[in-house]
Amino acid sequence: MAGNSILLAALSVLSACQQTFATCLGLVYIYSRHQYFWGYAEAAKKRITGFRLSLGVLALLTVLGAVGILNSFLDEYLDIDIAKKLRHF
């Protein structure tokens, strides 16, 4: 039960700060593409770090988008407000 509470708290914080966090991840993605380009220009093996970083950022952005859609769906159609339930703990 404690693990679920921590997960719900983390999800609510991420959804509240989602725009700021997504902006920061976007900047990290641009940096990783920069690293990928310059690594590829020097040697093909040097591009791996930038590629993996950009892949991780894109995966995290996808997860954050899914969490945001789920939160909106729960709030709009099922009338479940996760932030309100977490305030009662």
C-alpha atoms as a PDB file:
ATOM      1  CA  MET A   1       0.000   0.000   0.000  1.00  0.00           C
ATOM      2  CA  ALA A   2       2.824   2.387   0.770  1.00  0.00           C
ATOM      3  CA  GLY A   3       4.351   1.747  -2.648  1.00  0.00           C
ATOM      4  CA  ASN A   4       1.060   2.620  -4.325  1.00  0.00           C
ATOM      5  CA  SER A   5       0.794   5.865  -2.350  1.00  0.00           C
ATOM      6  CA  ILE A   6       4.292   6.875  -3.393  1.00  0.00           C
ATOM      7  CA  LEU A   7       3.487   6.054  -7.015  1.00  0.00           C
ATOM      8  CA  LEU A   8       0.279   8.097  -6.906  1.00  0.00           C
ATOM      9  CA  ALA A   9       2.091  10.998  -5.280  1.00  0.00           C
ATOM     10  CA  ALA A  10       4.799  10.880  -7.932  1.00  0.00           C
ATOM     11  CA  LEU A  11       2.209  10.764 -10.715  1.00  0.00           C
ATOM     12  CA  SER A  12       0.323  13.733  -9.318  1.00  0.00           C
ATOM     13  CA  VAL A  13       3.497  15.795  -8.945  1.00  0.00           C
ATOM     14  CA  LEU A  14       4.508  14.925 -12.504  1.00  0.00           C
ATOM     15  CA  SER A  15       1.112  15.863 -13.868  1.00  0.00           C
ATOM     16  CA  ALA A  16       1.162  19.156 -11.963  1.00  0.00           C
ATOM     17  CA  CYS A  17       4.654  19.990 -13.227  1.00  0.00           C
ATOM     18  CA  GLN A  18       4.252  18.246 -16.542  1.00  0.00           C
ATOM     19  CA  GLN A  19       4.728  21.314 -18.719  1.00  0.00           C
ATOM     20  CA  THR A  20       7.924  22.376 -16.979  1.00  0.00           C
ATOM     21  CA  PHE A  21       9.260  18.839 -16.917  1.00  0.00           C
ATOM     22  CA  ALA A  22       8.362  18.297 -20.576  1.00  0.00           C
ATOM     23  CA  THR A  23      10.147  21.535 -21.496  1.00  0.00           C
ATOM     24  CA  CYS A  24      13.282  20.406 -19.681  1.00  0.00           C
ATOM     25  CA  LEU A  25      13.089  17.020 -21.384  1.00  0.00           C
ATOM     26  CA  GLY A  26      12.719  18.787 -24.719  1.00  0.00           C
ATOM     27  CA  LEU A  27      15.933  20.687 -24.069  1.00  0.00           C
ATOM     28  CA  VAL A  28      17.687  17.453 -23.113  1.00  0.00           C
ATOM     29  CA  TYR A  29      16.387  15.904 -26.341  1.00  0.00           C
ATOM     30  CA  ILE A  30      17.801  18.779 -28.413  1.00  0.00           C
ATOM     31  CA  TYR A  31      21.145  18.372 -26.635  1.00  0.00           C
ATOM     32  CA  SER A  32      21.138  14.616 -27.244  1.00  0.00           C
ATOM     33  CA  ARG A  33      20.454  15.135 -30.965  1.00  0.00           C
ATOM     34  CA  HIS A  34      23.334  17.609 -31.010  1.00  0.00           C
ATOM     35  CA  GLN A  35      25.580  14.979 -29.408  1.00  0.00           C
ATOM     36  CA  TYR A  36      24.351  12.391 -31.898  1.00  0.00           C
ATOM     37  CA  PHE A  37      25.108  14.626 -34.876  1.00  0.00           C
ATOM     38  CA  TRP A  38      28.592  15.594 -33.775  1.00  0.00           C
ATOM     39  CA  GLY A  39      29.390  12.049 -32.706  1.00  0.00           C
ATOM     40  CA  TYR A  40      28.284  10.771 -36.085  1.00  0.00           C
ATOM     41  CA  ALA A  41      30.335  13.432 -37.865  1.00  0.00           C
ATOM     42  CA  GLU A  42      33.486  12.303 -36.048  1.00  0.00           C
ATOM     43  CA  ALA A  43      32.990   8.530 -36.035  1.00  0.00           C
ATOM     44  CA  ALA A  44      29.951   6.302 -36.333  1.00  0.00           C
ATOM     45  CA  LYS A  45      30.634   4.627 -32.975  1.00  0.00           C
ATOM     46  CA  LYS A  46      30.528   7.944 -31.122  1.00  0.00           C
ATOM     47  CA  ARG A  47      26.857   8.488 -31.966  1.00  0.00           C
ATOM     48  CA  ILE A  48      25.606   5.781 -29.572  1.00  0.00           C
ATOM     49  CA  THR A  49      25.525   8.013 -26.472  1.00  0.00           C
ATOM     50  CA  GLY A  50      23.403  10.681 -28.131  1.00  0.00           C
ATOM     51  CA  PHE A  51      21.150   8.074 -29.697  1.00  0.00           C
ATOM     52  CA  ARG A  52      20.481   6.302 -26.402  1.00  0.00           C
ATOM     53  CA  LEU A  53      19.889   9.556 -24.569  1.00  0.00           C
ATOM     54  CA  SER A  54      17.405  10.761 -27.178  1.00  0.00           C
ATOM     55  CA  LEU A  55      15.657   7.385 -27.152  1.00  0.00           C
ATOM     56  CA  GLY A  56      15.305   7.526 -23.346  1.00  0.00           C
ATOM     57  CA  VAL A  57      13.961  11.076 -23.440  1.00  0.00           C
ATOM     58  CA  LEU A  58      11.413  10.166 -26.102  1.00  0.00           C
ATOM     59  CA  ALA A  59      10.291   7.155 -24.056  1.00  0.00           C
ATOM     60  CA  LEU A  60       9.907   9.317 -20.956  1.00  0.00           C
ATOM     61  CA  LEU A  61       7.955  11.950 -22.885  1.00  0.00           C
ATOM     62  CA  THR A  62       5.669   9.216 -24.214  1.00  0.00           C
ATOM     63  CA  VAL A  63       5.032   7.922 -20.695  1.00  0.00           C
ATOM     64  CA  LEU A  64       4.352  11.447 -19.423  1.00  0.00           C
ATOM     65  CA  GLY A  65       1.916  12.026 -22.267  1.00  0.00           C
ATOM     66  CA  ALA A  66       0.091   8.793 -21.444  1.00  0.00           C
ATOM     67  CA  VAL A  67      -0.086   9.771 -17.765  1.00  0.00           C
ATOM     68  CA  GLY A  68      -1.504  13.168 -18.709  1.00  0.00           C
ATOM     69  CA  ILE A  69      -4.126  11.608 -20.983  1.00  0.00           C
ATOM     70  CA  LEU A  70      -5.063   9.088 -18.289  1.00  0.00           C
ATOM     71  CA  ASN A  71      -5.349  11.833 -15.679  1.00  0.00           C
ATOM     72  CA  SER A  72      -7.571  13.912 -17.964  1.00  0.00           C
ATOM     73  CA  PHE A  73      -9.723  10.895 -18.789  1.00  0.00           C
ATOM     74  CA  LEU A  74     -10.172   9.962 -15.120  1.00  0.00           C
ATOM     75  CA  ASP A  75     -11.037  13.528 -14.168  1.00  0.00           C
ATOM     76  CA  GLU A  76     -13.405  14.221 -17.064  1.00  0.00           C
ATOM     77  CA  TYR A  77     -15.309  10.972 -17.536  1.00  0.00           C
ATOM     78  CA  LEU A  78     -15.024   9.072 -14.260  1.00  0.00           C
ATOM     79  CA  ASP A  79     -14.913  12.084 -11.926  1.00  0.00           C
ATOM     80  CA  ILE A  80     -11.813  10.797 -10.171  1.00  0.00           C
ATOM     81  CA  ASP A  81      -9.482  13.556  -9.036  1.00  0.00           C
ATOM     82  CA  ILE A  82      -6.197  11.966  -8.031  1.00  0.00           C
ATOM     83  CA  ALA A  83      -4.777  15.177  -6.551  1.00  0.00           C
ATOM     84  CA  LYS A  84      -7.812  15.565  -4.285  1.00  0.00           C
ATOM     85  CA  LYS A  85      -7.526  11.963  -3.082  1.00  0.00           C
ATOM     86  CA  LEU A  86      -3.845  12.431  -2.320  1.00  0.00           C
ATOM     87  CA  ARG A  87      -4.573  15.502  -0.192  1.00  0.00           C
ATOM     88  CA  HIS A  88      -6.686  13.333   2.140  1.00  0.00           C
ATOM     89  CA  PHE A  89      -3.717  11.064   2.981  1.00  0.00           C
END
